[in-house]
Amino acid sequence: MDIPDYQQLTEALERLNALKDAAEAQGIICGMLCAHAPDPGRWMMEVLPDADTANDRVKELHELLGAVYMDLEQKLGSSEFSFNIVLPDDDEPVKVRTVALGQWCLGLLLGLGMAGMKDTSVLSADAREVLNDVVSLSRAGQYDADDSEENEKAFMQLVEFARVAAQLLYEELRPDAESPAERG
């Protein structure tokens, strides 16, 4: 199955009153993968807590989210750094895309917490700083932004930062990763 785009995933989520949008759902899945959740199937329960698995709409959403999960799992674990954040199309206003990026970051943080990450001391100082920046970025949509070229460039830099942050957290939280004390 192809990876669903923002609109397709958001519409499927809305039909079930599941989450606000696709970006948050992908962020939750990404956070749980970054924290190497002991129960990888739990992400679906977090996104669809009261889902009737016999419902066709639930099955459709399960397939869409399953494709997102598989894509993230494969791409986070590769050295190619090729995963993309599910965001509204580029023809949407910068403000709309920035709100969605903030929702993705919020989802990432929720996923990390749902996976049991409660102690940031397991992270290096750089990763803790990145995590704090992700917290700030989760509030990104609170500011007005016009569609200027400057804001478009700033938005693209924030998207790239979020991708790098997720990859860094994934690497740092690997079960076989060295602890901060071992890194020196």
N, C-alpha and C. Protein backbone atom coordinates (compact mmCIF):
# COMPACT_ATOMS: atom_id res chain seq x y z
N MET A 1 0.84 -1.19 0.00
CA MET A 1 0.00 0.00 0.00
C MET A 1 0.88 1.25 0.00
N ASP A 2 0.49 2.23 -0.79
CA ASP A 2 1.21 3.51 -0.82
C ASP A 2 0.99 4.26 0.49
N ILE A 3 1.93 5.14 0.78
CA ILE A 3 1.81 5.96 1.98
C ILE A 3 0.73 7.01 1.72
N PRO A 4 -0.25 7.11 2.62
CA PRO A 4 -1.31 8.11 2.40
C PRO A 4 -0.77 9.53 2.57
N ASP A 5 -1.39 10.45 1.86
CA ASP A 5 -1.00 11.84 2.05
C ASP A 5 -1.80 12.44 3.20
N TYR A 6 -1.47 13.68 3.53
CA TYR A 6 -2.08 14.37 4.67
C TYR A 6 -3.61 14.39 4.56
N GLN A 7 -4.10 14.80 3.40
CA GLN A 7 -5.55 14.95 3.22
C GLN A 7 -6.26 13.61 3.36
N GLN A 8 -5.75 12.59 2.73
CA GLN A 8 -6.37 11.26 2.77
C GLN A 8 -6.41 10.73 4.20
N LEU A 9 -5.32 10.86 4.92
CA LEU A 9 -5.26 10.37 6.29
C LEU A 9 -6.13 11.21 7.22
N THR A 10 -6.12 12.52 7.05
CA THR A 10 -6.94 13.39 7.89
C THR A 10 -8.42 13.08 7.69
N GLU A 11 -8.85 12.89 6.45
CA GLU A 11 -10.26 12.57 6.20
C GLU A 11 -10.66 11.25 6.83
N ALA A 12 -9.79 10.25 6.75
CA ALA A 12 -10.10 8.96 7.37
C ALA A 12 -10.19 9.09 8.89
N LEU A 13 -9.31 9.89 9.47
CA LEU A 13 -9.35 10.12 10.92
C LEU A 13 -10.62 10.87 11.32
N GLU A 14 -10.98 11.88 10.54
CA GLU A 14 -12.18 12.67 10.85
C GLU A 14 -13.45 11.84 10.78
N ARG A 15 -13.51 10.90 9.83
CA ARG A 15 -14.70 10.05 9.72
C ARG A 15 -14.93 9.24 10.99
N LEU A 16 -13.88 9.00 11.74
CA LEU A 16 -13.99 8.23 12.98
C LEU A 16 -13.84 9.10 14.23
N ASN A 17 -13.75 10.41 14.04
CA ASN A 17 -13.53 11.32 15.16
C ASN A 17 -12.33 10.88 16.00
N ALA A 18 -11.27 10.41 15.34
CA ALA A 18 -10.14 9.81 16.04
C ALA A 18 -9.16 10.84 16.58
N LEU A 19 -8.58 11.62 15.74
CA LEU A 19 -7.60 12.61 16.14
C LEU A 19 -7.82 13.88 15.34
N LYS A 20 -7.11 14.91 15.73
CA LYS A 20 -7.26 16.18 15.04
C LYS A 20 -6.83 16.09 13.58
N ASP A 21 -5.67 15.52 13.33
CA ASP A 21 -5.19 15.45 11.95
C ASP A 21 -4.13 14.38 11.75
N ALA A 22 -3.76 14.21 10.50
CA ALA A 22 -2.80 13.18 10.11
C ALA A 22 -1.42 13.43 10.69
N ALA A 23 -1.02 14.68 10.78
CA ALA A 23 0.32 14.99 11.28
C ALA A 23 0.48 14.50 12.72
N GLU A 24 -0.52 14.74 13.55
CA GLU A 24 -0.45 14.29 14.94
C GLU A 24 -0.39 12.77 15.01
N ALA A 25 -1.18 12.09 14.19
CA ALA A 25 -1.18 10.63 14.18
C ALA A 25 0.20 10.10 13.79
N GLN A 26 0.79 10.65 12.73
CA GLN A 26 2.12 10.19 12.32
C GLN A 26 3.14 10.53 13.41
N GLY A 27 3.00 11.68 14.04
CA GLY A 27 3.91 12.05 15.12
C GLY A 27 3.85 11.07 16.28
N ILE A 28 2.65 10.63 16.66
CA ILE A 28 2.51 9.64 17.73
C ILE A 28 3.22 8.35 17.35
N ILE A 29 2.97 7.88 16.15
CA ILE A 29 3.61 6.65 15.68
C ILE A 29 5.13 6.82 15.68
N CYS A 30 5.60 7.95 15.20
CA CYS A 30 7.04 8.22 15.14
C CYS A 30 7.64 8.25 16.55
N GLY A 31 6.97 8.90 17.47
CA GLY A 31 7.47 8.96 18.85
C GLY A 31 7.57 7.59 19.49
N MET A 32 6.55 6.76 19.24
CA MET A 32 6.58 5.41 19.80
C MET A 32 7.70 4.59 19.17
N LEU A 33 7.92 4.77 17.88
CA LEU A 33 9.03 4.08 17.22
C LEU A 33 10.37 4.60 17.72
N CYS A 34 10.49 5.91 17.90
CA CYS A 34 11.74 6.49 18.40
C CYS A 34 12.10 5.94 19.77
N ALA A 35 11.09 5.75 20.61
CA ALA A 35 11.32 5.25 21.96
C ALA A 35 11.39 3.72 21.98
N HIS A 36 11.27 3.11 20.80
CA HIS A 36 11.36 1.66 20.68
C HIS A 36 10.38 1.00 21.65
N ALA A 37 9.11 1.39 21.52
CA ALA A 37 8.04 0.90 22.38
C ALA A 37 8.08 -0.63 22.47
N PRO A 38 7.95 -1.15 23.68
CA PRO A 38 8.01 -2.60 23.84
C PRO A 38 6.86 -3.34 23.15
N ASP A 39 5.74 -2.68 22.98
CA ASP A 39 4.59 -3.27 22.29
C ASP A 39 4.31 -2.46 21.05
N PRO A 40 4.94 -2.82 19.91
CA PRO A 40 4.80 -2.00 18.72
C PRO A 40 3.36 -1.87 18.22
N GLY A 41 2.49 -2.80 18.57
CA GLY A 41 1.10 -2.71 18.13
C GLY A 41 0.28 -1.71 18.93
N ARG A 42 0.84 -1.20 20.01
CA ARG A 42 0.10 -0.29 20.89
C ARG A 42 -0.24 1.04 20.21
N TRP A 43 0.53 1.42 19.20
CA TRP A 43 0.28 2.71 18.54
C TRP A 43 -1.14 2.79 18.01
N MET A 44 -1.67 1.67 17.51
CA MET A 44 -3.02 1.70 16.97
C MET A 44 -4.04 1.96 18.07
N MET A 45 -3.84 1.38 19.24
CA MET A 45 -4.75 1.61 20.36
C MET A 45 -4.70 3.07 20.81
N GLU A 46 -3.54 3.69 20.68
CA GLU A 46 -3.42 5.09 21.09
C GLU A 46 -4.12 6.02 20.10
N VAL A 47 -4.08 5.67 18.83
CA VAL A 47 -4.70 6.51 17.82
C VAL A 47 -6.20 6.23 17.73
N LEU A 48 -6.59 4.98 17.90
CA LEU A 48 -7.99 4.56 17.82
C LEU A 48 -8.38 3.78 19.08
N PRO A 49 -8.52 4.44 20.22
CA PRO A 49 -8.72 3.73 21.47
C PRO A 49 -10.02 2.91 21.54
N ASP A 50 -11.09 3.37 20.95
CA ASP A 50 -12.38 2.69 21.06
C ASP A 50 -12.86 2.14 19.73
N ALA A 51 -11.94 1.72 18.91
CA ALA A 51 -12.29 1.31 17.55
C ALA A 51 -12.95 -0.06 17.52
N ASP A 52 -14.00 -0.14 16.73
CA ASP A 52 -14.68 -1.40 16.45
C ASP A 52 -14.01 -1.98 15.21
N THR A 53 -13.21 -3.01 15.39
CA THR A 53 -12.40 -3.53 14.29
C THR A 53 -13.24 -4.17 13.18
N ALA A 54 -14.54 -4.36 13.41
CA ALA A 54 -15.40 -4.90 12.36
C ALA A 54 -15.91 -3.79 11.43
N ASN A 55 -15.76 -2.55 11.84
CA ASN A 55 -16.23 -1.40 11.07
C ASN A 55 -15.31 -1.19 9.86
N ASP A 56 -15.92 -1.02 8.66
CA ASP A 56 -15.13 -0.83 7.43
C ASP A 56 -14.27 0.42 7.49
N ARG A 57 -14.78 1.49 8.10
CA ARG A 57 -13.99 2.72 8.19
C ARG A 57 -12.77 2.52 9.10
N VAL A 58 -12.95 1.74 10.16
CA VAL A 58 -11.84 1.43 11.05
C VAL A 58 -10.81 0.59 10.30
N LYS A 59 -11.27 -0.37 9.53
CA LYS A 59 -10.35 -1.20 8.75
C LYS A 59 -9.56 -0.34 7.77
N GLU A 60 -10.26 0.60 7.10
CA GLU A 60 -9.57 1.49 6.15
C GLU A 60 -8.51 2.30 6.86
N LEU A 61 -8.86 2.90 7.99
CA LEU A 61 -7.90 3.72 8.73
C LEU A 61 -6.76 2.86 9.26
N HIS A 62 -7.08 1.66 9.71
CA HIS A 62 -6.03 0.75 10.19
C HIS A 62 -5.03 0.47 9.07
N GLU A 63 -5.51 0.27 7.86
CA GLU A 63 -4.61 0.03 6.72
C GLU A 63 -3.76 1.26 6.42
N LEU A 64 -4.40 2.44 6.45
CA LEU A 64 -3.65 3.67 6.17
C LEU A 64 -2.57 3.91 7.23
N LEU A 65 -2.96 3.79 8.50
CA LEU A 65 -1.99 4.00 9.57
C LEU A 65 -0.93 2.90 9.59
N GLY A 66 -1.33 1.70 9.21
CA GLY A 66 -0.35 0.62 9.10
C GLY A 66 0.71 0.93 8.06
N ALA A 67 0.29 1.53 6.95
CA ALA A 67 1.25 1.92 5.91
C ALA A 67 2.19 3.01 6.44
N VAL A 68 1.65 3.96 7.20
CA VAL A 68 2.48 5.01 7.80
C VAL A 68 3.48 4.39 8.76
N TYR A 69 3.00 3.46 9.60
CA TYR A 69 3.86 2.80 10.57
C TYR A 69 5.01 2.06 9.88
N MET A 70 4.66 1.26 8.88
CA MET A 70 5.67 0.46 8.18
C MET A 70 6.70 1.36 7.49
N ASP A 71 6.22 2.44 6.89
CA ASP A 71 7.13 3.38 6.23
C ASP A 71 8.09 4.00 7.23
N LEU A 72 7.55 4.48 8.36
CA LEU A 72 8.41 5.09 9.38
C LEU A 72 9.39 4.09 9.97
N GLU A 73 8.90 2.90 10.27
CA GLU A 73 9.77 1.89 10.85
C GLU A 73 10.95 1.58 9.93
N GLN A 74 10.66 1.45 8.66
CA GLN A 74 11.72 1.15 7.68
C GLN A 74 12.67 2.34 7.53
N LYS A 75 12.13 3.53 7.40
CA LYS A 75 12.98 4.69 7.09
C LYS A 75 13.75 5.21 8.29
N LEU A 76 13.16 5.14 9.49
CA LEU A 76 13.91 5.56 10.68
C LEU A 76 15.08 4.62 10.93
N GLY A 77 14.89 3.35 10.62
CA GLY A 77 15.95 2.37 10.84
C GLY A 77 17.01 2.32 9.77
N SER A 78 16.83 3.07 8.69
CA SER A 78 17.82 3.05 7.61
C SER A 78 18.79 4.22 7.77
N SER A 79 19.89 4.12 7.07
CA SER A 79 20.89 5.20 7.13
C SER A 79 20.63 6.28 6.08
N GLU A 80 19.57 6.13 5.30
CA GLU A 80 19.31 7.06 4.20
C GLU A 80 18.58 8.34 4.61
N PHE A 81 18.00 8.35 5.82
CA PHE A 81 17.32 9.54 6.33
C PHE A 81 16.29 10.04 5.32
N SER A 82 15.37 9.17 4.95
CA SER A 82 14.46 9.50 3.86
C SER A 82 13.00 9.63 4.25
N PHE A 83 12.68 9.60 5.55
CA PHE A 83 11.26 9.70 5.90
C PHE A 83 10.77 11.15 5.76
N ASN A 84 9.51 11.27 5.44
CA ASN A 84 8.89 12.59 5.31
C ASN A 84 7.78 12.74 6.32
N ILE A 85 7.64 13.93 6.83
CA ILE A 85 6.54 14.23 7.75
C ILE A 85 5.28 14.45 6.92
N VAL A 86 4.18 13.85 7.36
CA VAL A 86 2.90 14.00 6.67
C VAL A 86 2.36 15.38 7.00
N LEU A 87 2.37 16.26 6.00
CA LEU A 87 1.92 17.65 6.17
C LEU A 87 1.00 18.04 5.02
N PRO A 88 0.22 19.11 5.21
CA PRO A 88 -0.62 19.59 4.10
C PRO A 88 0.22 19.93 2.88
N ASP A 89 -0.42 19.91 1.72
CA ASP A 89 0.26 20.22 0.46
C ASP A 89 0.90 21.60 0.50
N ASP A 90 1.93 21.76 -0.33
CA ASP A 90 2.66 23.03 -0.40
C ASP A 90 1.80 24.20 -0.87
N ASP A 91 0.66 23.92 -1.50
CA ASP A 91 -0.20 25.02 -1.95
C ASP A 91 -1.07 25.57 -0.81
N GLU A 92 -1.04 24.92 0.35
CA GLU A 92 -1.74 25.44 1.52
C GLU A 92 -0.93 26.60 2.12
N PRO A 93 -1.59 27.54 2.78
CA PRO A 93 -0.85 28.65 3.40
C PRO A 93 0.18 28.15 4.41
N VAL A 94 1.25 28.92 4.56
CA VAL A 94 2.31 28.59 5.51
C VAL A 94 1.72 28.41 6.91
N LYS A 95 0.80 29.23 7.30
CA LYS A 95 0.18 29.15 8.63
C LYS A 95 -0.44 27.77 8.85
N VAL A 96 -1.19 27.26 7.86
CA VAL A 96 -1.84 25.95 7.97
C VAL A 96 -0.79 24.85 8.11
N ARG A 97 0.25 24.92 7.31
CA ARG A 97 1.30 23.90 7.36
C ARG A 97 2.08 23.98 8.66
N THR A 98 2.25 25.20 9.18
CA THR A 98 2.97 25.38 10.44
C THR A 98 2.17 24.80 11.60
N VAL A 99 0.86 25.00 11.59
CA VAL A 99 0.00 24.40 12.63
C VAL A 99 0.13 22.89 12.58
N ALA A 100 0.10 22.32 11.38
CA ALA A 100 0.22 20.86 11.24
C ALA A 100 1.58 20.38 11.73
N LEU A 101 2.65 21.12 11.46
CA LEU A 101 3.97 20.74 11.95
C LEU A 101 3.98 20.76 13.48
N GLY A 102 3.35 21.76 14.06
CA GLY A 102 3.24 21.81 15.53
C GLY A 102 2.49 20.60 16.06
N GLN A 103 1.43 20.19 15.36
CA GLN A 103 0.67 19.00 15.76
C GLN A 103 1.54 17.74 15.64
N TRP A 104 2.36 17.68 14.60
CA TRP A 104 3.26 16.53 14.44
C TRP A 104 4.23 16.46 15.62
N CYS A 105 4.78 17.60 15.99
CA CYS A 105 5.72 17.64 17.11
C CYS A 105 5.03 17.24 18.41
N LEU A 106 3.80 17.72 18.61
CA LEU A 106 3.02 17.32 19.78
C LEU A 106 2.81 15.81 19.77
N GLY A 107 2.46 15.26 18.61
CA GLY A 107 2.29 13.82 18.49
C GLY A 107 3.58 13.07 18.81
N LEU A 108 4.71 13.57 18.33
CA LEU A 108 6.00 12.95 18.62
C LEU A 108 6.22 12.88 20.13
N LEU A 109 5.96 13.97 20.81
CA LEU A 109 6.12 14.02 22.27
C LEU A 109 5.15 13.06 22.96
N LEU A 110 3.91 13.03 22.49
CA LEU A 110 2.92 12.10 23.06
C LEU A 110 3.37 10.65 22.86
N GLY A 111 3.84 10.35 21.66
CA GLY A 111 4.30 8.99 21.37
C GLY A 111 5.48 8.58 22.24
N LEU A 112 6.41 9.50 22.46
CA LEU A 112 7.54 9.20 23.34
C LEU A 112 7.04 8.87 24.75
N GLY A 113 6.10 9.68 25.23
CA GLY A 113 5.55 9.45 26.57
C GLY A 113 4.75 8.16 26.64
N MET A 114 3.94 7.89 25.62
CA MET A 114 3.13 6.67 25.60
C MET A 114 4.01 5.42 25.57
N ALA A 115 5.18 5.56 24.98
CA ALA A 115 6.11 4.43 24.90
C ALA A 115 6.91 4.25 26.19
N GLY A 116 6.70 5.15 27.13
CA GLY A 116 7.35 5.00 28.43
C GLY A 116 8.58 5.85 28.67
N MET A 117 8.89 6.76 27.75
CA MET A 117 10.06 7.62 27.97
C MET A 117 9.69 8.70 28.97
N LYS A 118 10.23 8.57 30.16
CA LYS A 118 9.92 9.55 31.21
C LYS A 118 11.18 10.23 31.74
N ASP A 119 12.32 9.63 31.49
CA ASP A 119 13.57 10.13 32.03
C ASP A 119 14.48 10.58 30.89
N THR A 120 14.62 11.89 30.73
CA THR A 120 15.45 12.40 29.64
C THR A 120 16.94 12.29 29.94
N SER A 121 17.30 11.85 31.15
CA SER A 121 18.72 11.71 31.46
C SER A 121 19.38 10.60 30.64
N VAL A 122 18.57 9.74 30.01
CA VAL A 122 19.14 8.70 29.15
C VAL A 122 19.64 9.30 27.84
N LEU A 123 19.30 10.55 27.59
CA LEU A 123 19.70 11.23 26.35
C LEU A 123 20.96 12.05 26.57
N SER A 124 21.69 12.26 25.49
CA SER A 124 22.85 13.15 25.54
C SER A 124 22.34 14.58 25.73
N ALA A 125 23.24 15.47 26.09
CA ALA A 125 22.87 16.88 26.26
C ALA A 125 22.30 17.45 24.96
N ASP A 126 22.89 17.07 23.83
CA ASP A 126 22.39 17.54 22.53
C ASP A 126 20.96 17.05 22.28
N ALA A 127 20.70 15.79 22.59
CA ALA A 127 19.37 15.24 22.36
C ALA A 127 18.35 15.87 23.31
N ARG A 128 18.75 16.16 24.54
CA ARG A 128 17.83 16.84 25.47
C ARG A 128 17.49 18.23 24.95
N GLU A 129 18.49 18.91 24.41
CA GLU A 129 18.25 20.24 23.83
C GLU A 129 17.31 20.15 22.64
N VAL A 130 17.52 19.15 21.79
CA VAL A 130 16.65 18.94 20.64
C VAL A 130 15.23 18.66 21.11
N LEU A 131 15.08 17.84 22.13
CA LEU A 131 13.76 17.52 22.67
C LEU A 131 13.07 18.79 23.19
N ASN A 132 13.82 19.65 23.87
CA ASN A 132 13.25 20.92 24.33
C ASN A 132 12.82 21.79 23.16
N ASP A 133 13.60 21.77 22.09
CA ASP A 133 13.24 22.53 20.89
C ASP A 133 11.96 21.96 20.24
N VAL A 134 11.80 20.64 20.28
CA VAL A 134 10.58 20.03 19.75
C VAL A 134 9.38 20.48 20.58
N VAL A 135 9.55 20.59 21.89
CA VAL A 135 8.46 21.11 22.74
C VAL A 135 8.08 22.51 22.28
N SER A 136 9.06 23.35 22.04
CA SER A 136 8.79 24.71 21.55
C SER A 136 8.12 24.68 20.19
N LEU A 137 8.60 23.81 19.32
CA LEU A 137 8.04 23.70 17.97
C LEU A 137 6.60 23.20 17.99
N SER A 138 6.23 22.46 19.03
CA SER A 138 4.85 21.97 19.11
C SER A 138 3.86 23.13 19.26
N ARG A 139 4.35 24.29 19.60
CA ARG A 139 3.50 25.49 19.71
C ARG A 139 3.64 26.40 18.49
N ALA A 140 4.19 25.88 17.41
CA ALA A 140 4.55 26.68 16.23
C ALA A 140 3.38 27.40 15.60
N GLY A 141 2.20 26.86 15.64
CA GLY A 141 1.06 27.47 14.96
C GLY A 141 0.44 28.64 15.68
N GLN A 142 0.98 29.03 16.81
CA GLN A 142 0.39 30.11 17.60
C GLN A 142 0.71 31.50 17.06
N TYR A 143 1.58 31.56 16.09
CA TYR A 143 2.01 32.86 15.58
C TYR A 143 1.50 33.06 14.17
N ASP A 144 1.16 34.31 13.86
CA ASP A 144 0.72 34.62 12.50
C ASP A 144 1.91 34.56 11.55
N ALA A 145 1.65 34.00 10.39
CA ALA A 145 2.69 33.93 9.37
C ALA A 145 2.03 34.12 8.02
N ASP A 146 2.53 35.09 7.27
CA ASP A 146 2.01 35.26 5.91
C ASP A 146 2.77 34.31 4.99
N ASP A 147 2.42 34.33 3.73
CA ASP A 147 3.01 33.41 2.77
C ASP A 147 4.23 34.00 2.07
N SER A 148 5.00 34.79 2.79
CA SER A 148 6.19 35.38 2.19
C SER A 148 7.24 34.30 1.93
N GLU A 149 8.16 34.63 1.05
CA GLU A 149 9.24 33.70 0.74
C GLU A 149 10.09 33.44 1.99
N GLU A 150 10.27 34.45 2.80
CA GLU A 150 11.04 34.31 4.03
C GLU A 150 10.38 33.31 4.98
N ASN A 151 9.07 33.41 5.15
CA ASN A 151 8.35 32.47 6.02
C ASN A 151 8.35 31.06 5.44
N GLU A 152 8.27 30.96 4.12
CA GLU A 152 8.32 29.65 3.47
C GLU A 152 9.67 28.98 3.74
N LYS A 153 10.75 29.73 3.63
CA LYS A 153 12.08 29.18 3.90
C LYS A 153 12.21 28.78 5.38
N ALA A 154 11.71 29.62 6.26
CA ALA A 154 11.76 29.31 7.70
C ALA A 154 10.97 28.04 8.00
N PHE A 155 9.81 27.90 7.36
CA PHE A 155 9.00 26.71 7.55
C PHE A 155 9.76 25.46 7.10
N MET A 156 10.37 25.52 5.95
CA MET A 156 11.12 24.37 5.43
C MET A 156 12.27 24.00 6.37
N GLN A 157 12.90 25.00 6.97
CA GLN A 157 13.98 24.72 7.93
C GLN A 157 13.42 24.04 9.18
N LEU A 158 12.23 24.46 9.62
CA LEU A 158 11.61 23.82 10.78
C LEU A 158 11.24 22.37 10.49
N VAL A 159 10.74 22.11 9.29
CA VAL A 159 10.41 20.73 8.90
C VAL A 159 11.68 19.88 8.92
N GLU A 160 12.74 20.40 8.36
CA GLU A 160 14.00 19.65 8.34
C GLU A 160 14.51 19.42 9.76
N PHE A 161 14.38 20.43 10.61
CA PHE A 161 14.80 20.26 12.01
C PHE A 161 14.00 19.14 12.67
N ALA A 162 12.68 19.11 12.45
CA ALA A 162 11.83 18.08 13.07
C ALA A 162 12.25 16.69 12.59
N ARG A 163 12.56 16.57 11.32
CA ARG A 163 13.01 15.27 10.78
C ARG A 163 14.33 14.85 11.44
N VAL A 164 15.27 15.77 11.54
CA VAL A 164 16.55 15.48 12.16
C VAL A 164 16.36 15.13 13.64
N ALA A 165 15.48 15.85 14.30
CA ALA A 165 15.20 15.58 15.72
C ALA A 165 14.69 14.16 15.90
N ALA A 166 13.74 13.75 15.07
CA ALA A 166 13.19 12.39 15.18
C ALA A 166 14.28 11.36 14.94
N GLN A 167 15.11 11.58 13.94
CA GLN A 167 16.17 10.62 13.64
C GLN A 167 17.18 10.55 14.80
N LEU A 168 17.52 11.70 15.36
CA LEU A 168 18.45 11.72 16.49
C LEU A 168 17.86 10.96 17.68
N LEU A 169 16.60 11.22 17.99
CA LEU A 169 15.96 10.53 19.12
C LEU A 169 15.89 9.03 18.87
N TYR A 170 15.58 8.66 17.65
CA TYR A 170 15.52 7.24 17.31
C TYR A 170 16.88 6.58 17.56
N GLU A 171 17.93 7.23 17.10
CA GLU A 171 19.28 6.66 17.28
C GLU A 171 19.70 6.62 18.75
N GLU A 172 19.42 7.69 19.46
CA GLU A 172 19.84 7.77 20.87
C GLU A 172 19.08 6.79 21.76
N LEU A 173 17.85 6.50 21.41
CA LEU A 173 17.03 5.64 22.25
C LEU A 173 17.07 4.18 21.84
N ARG A 174 17.89 3.85 20.85
CA ARG A 174 18.04 2.44 20.48
C ARG A 174 18.49 1.65 21.70
N PRO A 175 17.95 0.46 21.88
CA PRO A 175 18.36 -0.33 23.05
C PRO A 175 19.86 -0.60 23.11
N ASP A 176 20.53 -0.66 21.97
CA ASP A 176 21.97 -0.94 21.97
C ASP A 176 22.83 0.33 21.92
N ALA A 177 22.19 1.50 22.04
CA ALA A 177 22.94 2.77 22.00
C ALA A 177 23.71 2.96 23.31
N GLU A 178 24.83 3.64 23.21
CA GLU A 178 25.61 3.94 24.41
C GLU A 178 24.87 4.97 25.26
N SER A 179 25.01 4.87 26.57
CA SER A 179 24.42 5.86 27.47
C SER A 179 25.26 7.14 27.39
N PRO A 180 24.71 8.28 27.88
CA PRO A 180 25.49 9.52 27.87
C PRO A 180 26.83 9.37 28.61
N ALA A 181 26.85 8.60 29.69
CA ALA A 181 28.09 8.41 30.45
C ALA A 181 29.13 7.64 29.62
N GLU A 182 28.65 6.66 28.84
CA GLU A 182 29.56 5.88 27.99
C GLU A 182 30.12 6.71 26.83
N ARG A 183 29.32 7.71 26.39
CA ARG A 183 29.78 8.56 25.28
C ARG A 183 30.85 9.53 25.74
N GLY A 184 30.91 9.77 27.04
CA GLY A 184 31.94 10.67 27.57
C GLY A 184 31.43 11.97 27.78
